[in-house]
């Protein structure tokens, strides 16, 4: 992928090499391998440690060809690889990060129009937990198993991406 930082002329070349077991990722930026330790990931922001420094990234805008971010207050544009979704799916599957059996994930991107249950609620497999709007249609994300909602990881009005964790069911 290519990264353009602010108004700087140089474009950085970066790639995700692999996901590590301790919530870290190994990346290569301009030929140098670095480990990024992920602290917090949500649909709109990421907090991470890179070379012993804390950083915060906020997503300003995202479409199919690029994402605009603010990283530590500096604007950054990321040009997406045409096969980014497939690469991420493969990476998540290989690392096992995609699916703890307790994670309820979104199968589509969309905007959260309602949260049907609260933390502590008991749900049965197939019960609606969150309702998304995508392409002018409303789609329910349903419980994949019987259990108790431990945590809701999204808010009404938020945007979720495919495979974002929206709730934890124990």
Protein backbone atom coordinates (compact mmCIF):
# COMPACT_ATOMS: atom_id res chain seq x y z
CA UNK A 1 0.00 0.00 0.00
CA UNK A 2 1.03 3.58 -0.46
CA UNK A 3 0.80 6.18 2.32
CA UNK A 4 0.87 9.92 1.71
CA UNK A 5 1.55 11.96 4.85
CA UNK A 6 0.08 15.46 4.85
CA UNK A 7 1.51 17.65 2.12
CA UNK A 8 4.83 15.80 2.08
CA UNK A 9 5.94 14.71 -1.37
CA UNK A 10 7.42 11.30 -0.47
CA UNK A 11 4.99 8.41 -0.53
CA UNK A 12 5.69 5.59 1.93
CA UNK A 13 5.47 1.98 0.80
CA UNK A 14 4.04 -0.25 3.51
CA UNK A 15 2.77 -3.79 3.80
CA UNK A 16 1.33 -6.01 6.49
CA UNK A 17 3.60 -9.03 6.78
CA UNK A 18 1.75 -11.03 9.43
CA UNK A 19 -0.28 -10.86 12.61
CA UNK A 20 1.62 -11.89 15.73
CA UNK A 21 0.13 -13.74 18.69
CA UNK A 22 0.28 -10.87 21.22
CA UNK A 23 -2.09 -8.40 19.48
CA UNK A 24 0.79 -7.07 17.45
CA UNK A 25 1.41 -6.94 13.72
CA UNK A 26 4.64 -7.13 11.79
CA UNK A 27 4.77 -4.52 9.02
CA UNK A 28 7.34 -3.36 6.50
CA UNK A 29 7.54 0.41 5.91
CA UNK A 30 9.95 1.55 3.19
CA UNK A 31 11.81 -1.75 3.49
CA UNK A 32 12.18 -1.67 7.29
CA UNK A 33 10.36 -4.33 9.36
CA UNK A 34 8.58 -2.94 12.42
CA UNK A 35 6.29 -4.34 15.09
CA UNK A 36 3.13 -2.38 15.88
CA UNK A 37 1.47 -3.25 19.19
CA UNK A 38 -2.28 -2.64 18.93
CA UNK A 39 -3.81 -1.20 22.11
CA UNK A 40 -7.31 -0.20 21.01
CA UNK A 41 -9.18 -0.76 17.78
CA UNK A 42 -12.65 0.54 17.03
CA UNK A 43 -14.48 1.49 13.88
CA UNK A 44 -13.21 5.08 14.06
CA UNK A 45 -9.90 4.99 15.89
CA UNK A 46 -6.79 2.94 16.58
CA UNK A 47 -4.29 3.37 19.41
CA UNK A 48 -0.94 1.67 18.99
CA UNK A 49 2.72 1.62 20.04
CA UNK A 50 5.40 1.87 17.36
CA UNK A 51 9.10 1.96 18.29
CA UNK A 52 8.26 2.58 21.98
CA UNK A 53 6.05 5.59 21.17
CA UNK A 54 2.28 5.86 21.66
CA UNK A 55 0.25 6.91 18.61
CA UNK A 56 -3.42 7.54 17.89
CA UNK A 57 -5.09 7.30 14.49
CA UNK A 58 -8.61 8.56 13.75
CA UNK A 59 -10.41 7.63 10.57
CA UNK A 60 -11.76 10.73 8.82
CA UNK A 61 -13.11 9.17 5.63
CA UNK A 62 -12.93 5.79 3.95
CA UNK A 63 -14.01 4.57 0.54
CA UNK A 64 -13.10 1.67 -1.72
CA UNK A 65 -9.86 3.20 -3.02
CA UNK A 66 -8.43 5.14 -0.07
CA UNK A 67 -8.73 5.98 3.62
CA UNK A 68 -8.02 9.40 5.12
CA UNK A 69 -6.72 9.39 8.71
CA UNK A 70 -5.35 11.74 11.32
CA UNK A 71 -2.31 10.11 12.91
CA UNK A 72 -1.07 12.12 15.89
CA UNK A 73 -2.75 15.17 14.31
CA UNK A 74 -1.12 14.73 10.88
CA UNK A 75 -3.34 13.93 7.88
CA UNK A 76 -2.47 10.64 6.19
CA UNK A 77 -4.02 9.15 3.05
CA UNK A 78 -3.78 5.41 2.50
CA UNK A 79 -4.30 4.12 -1.04
CA UNK A 80 -5.85 0.69 -0.69
CA UNK A 81 -4.69 -2.35 -2.59
CA UNK A 82 -7.46 -3.59 -4.87
CA UNK A 83 -7.48 -6.94 -3.04
CA UNK A 84 -7.27 -5.48 0.51
CA UNK A 85 -10.45 -7.13 1.80
CA UNK A 86 -9.33 -10.58 0.64
CA UNK A 87 -5.84 -10.07 2.13
CA UNK A 88 -7.30 -9.04 5.51
CA UNK A 89 -9.74 -11.96 5.53
CA UNK A 90 -6.89 -14.40 4.87
CA UNK A 91 -4.70 -12.76 7.52
CA UNK A 92 -7.45 -12.88 10.13
CA UNK A 93 -8.24 -16.50 9.33
CA UNK A 94 -4.60 -17.59 9.52
CA UNK A 95 -3.97 -15.75 12.78
CA UNK A 96 -7.14 -16.96 14.45
CA UNK A 97 -7.96 -13.33 15.33
CA UNK A 98 -11.19 -13.38 13.40
CA UNK A 99 -13.05 -15.72 15.54
CA UNK A 100 -12.98 -16.23 19.18
CA UNK A 101 -16.15 -18.24 19.65
CA UNK A 102 -17.46 -15.44 21.90
CA UNK A 103 -17.05 -12.64 19.34
CA UNK A 104 -20.16 -11.59 17.42
CA UNK A 105 -18.92 -9.94 14.24
CA UNK A 106 -20.55 -7.99 11.46
CA UNK A 107 -20.64 -9.81 8.14
CA UNK A 108 -21.22 -6.56 6.23
CA UNK A 109 -20.17 -2.94 6.56
CA UNK A 110 -22.90 -0.55 7.65
CA UNK A 111 -24.18 2.09 10.06
CA UNK A 112 -25.59 0.98 13.41
CA UNK A 113 -29.24 2.02 13.51
CA UNK A 114 -30.15 0.23 16.74
CA UNK A 115 -28.73 -1.92 19.49
CA UNK A 116 -31.43 -4.40 20.42
CA UNK A 117 -29.95 -5.76 23.68
CA UNK A 118 -27.85 -4.45 26.56
CA UNK A 119 -24.80 -5.85 28.33
CA UNK A 120 -26.06 -8.50 30.73
CA UNK A 121 -29.01 -9.53 28.52
CA UNK A 122 -29.54 -13.22 27.80
CA UNK A 123 -29.85 -14.15 24.14
CA UNK A 124 -30.71 -17.28 22.19
CA UNK A 125 -29.04 -18.28 18.95
CA UNK A 126 -30.71 -16.27 16.16
CA UNK A 127 -31.84 -13.35 18.36
CA UNK A 128 -31.12 -9.90 16.88
CA UNK A 129 -28.36 -8.07 18.76
CA UNK A 130 -27.57 -5.09 16.51
CA UNK A 131 -29.33 -3.69 13.43
CA UNK A 132 -27.25 -2.17 10.63
CA UNK A 133 -28.22 -0.10 7.64
CA UNK A 134 -26.28 -0.91 4.49
CA UNK A 135 -27.18 0.18 0.98
CA UNK A 136 -30.56 1.50 2.22
CA UNK A 137 -31.48 -1.88 3.71
CA UNK A 138 -31.62 -2.84 7.37
CA UNK A 139 -29.86 -6.05 8.37
CA UNK A 140 -29.81 -7.64 11.82
CA UNK A 141 -26.65 -9.11 13.27
CA UNK A 142 -27.94 -12.15 15.12
CA UNK A 143 -26.49 -14.09 18.03
CA UNK A 144 -24.46 -17.05 16.81
CA UNK A 145 -25.04 -18.97 20.05
CA UNK A 146 -27.05 -18.96 23.27
CA UNK A 147 -25.50 -16.92 26.05
CA UNK A 148 -25.24 -13.69 27.96
CA UNK A 149 -24.09 -10.41 26.39
CA UNK A 150 -20.81 -9.57 28.13
CA UNK A 151 -20.10 -6.39 26.17
CA UNK A 152 -21.52 -4.30 23.33
CA UNK A 153 -18.62 -2.93 21.27
CA UNK A 154 -20.43 -0.38 19.13
CA UNK A 155 -22.77 2.56 19.50
CA UNK A 156 -25.88 3.69 17.69
CA UNK A 157 -24.88 5.83 14.71
CA UNK A 158 -21.39 4.32 14.49
CA UNK A 159 -20.10 2.77 11.29
CA UNK A 160 -18.83 -0.80 11.40
CA UNK A 161 -16.70 -2.61 8.85
CA UNK A 162 -16.97 -6.20 7.79
CA UNK A 163 -15.63 -8.48 10.56
CA UNK A 164 -15.72 -5.75 13.25
CA UNK A 165 -16.66 -7.22 16.64
CA UNK A 166 -20.01 -5.72 17.66
CA UNK A 167 -20.61 -7.74 20.83
CA UNK A 168 -19.15 -10.45 23.07
CA UNK A 169 -21.44 -13.34 24.04
CA UNK A 170 -20.42 -15.67 26.86
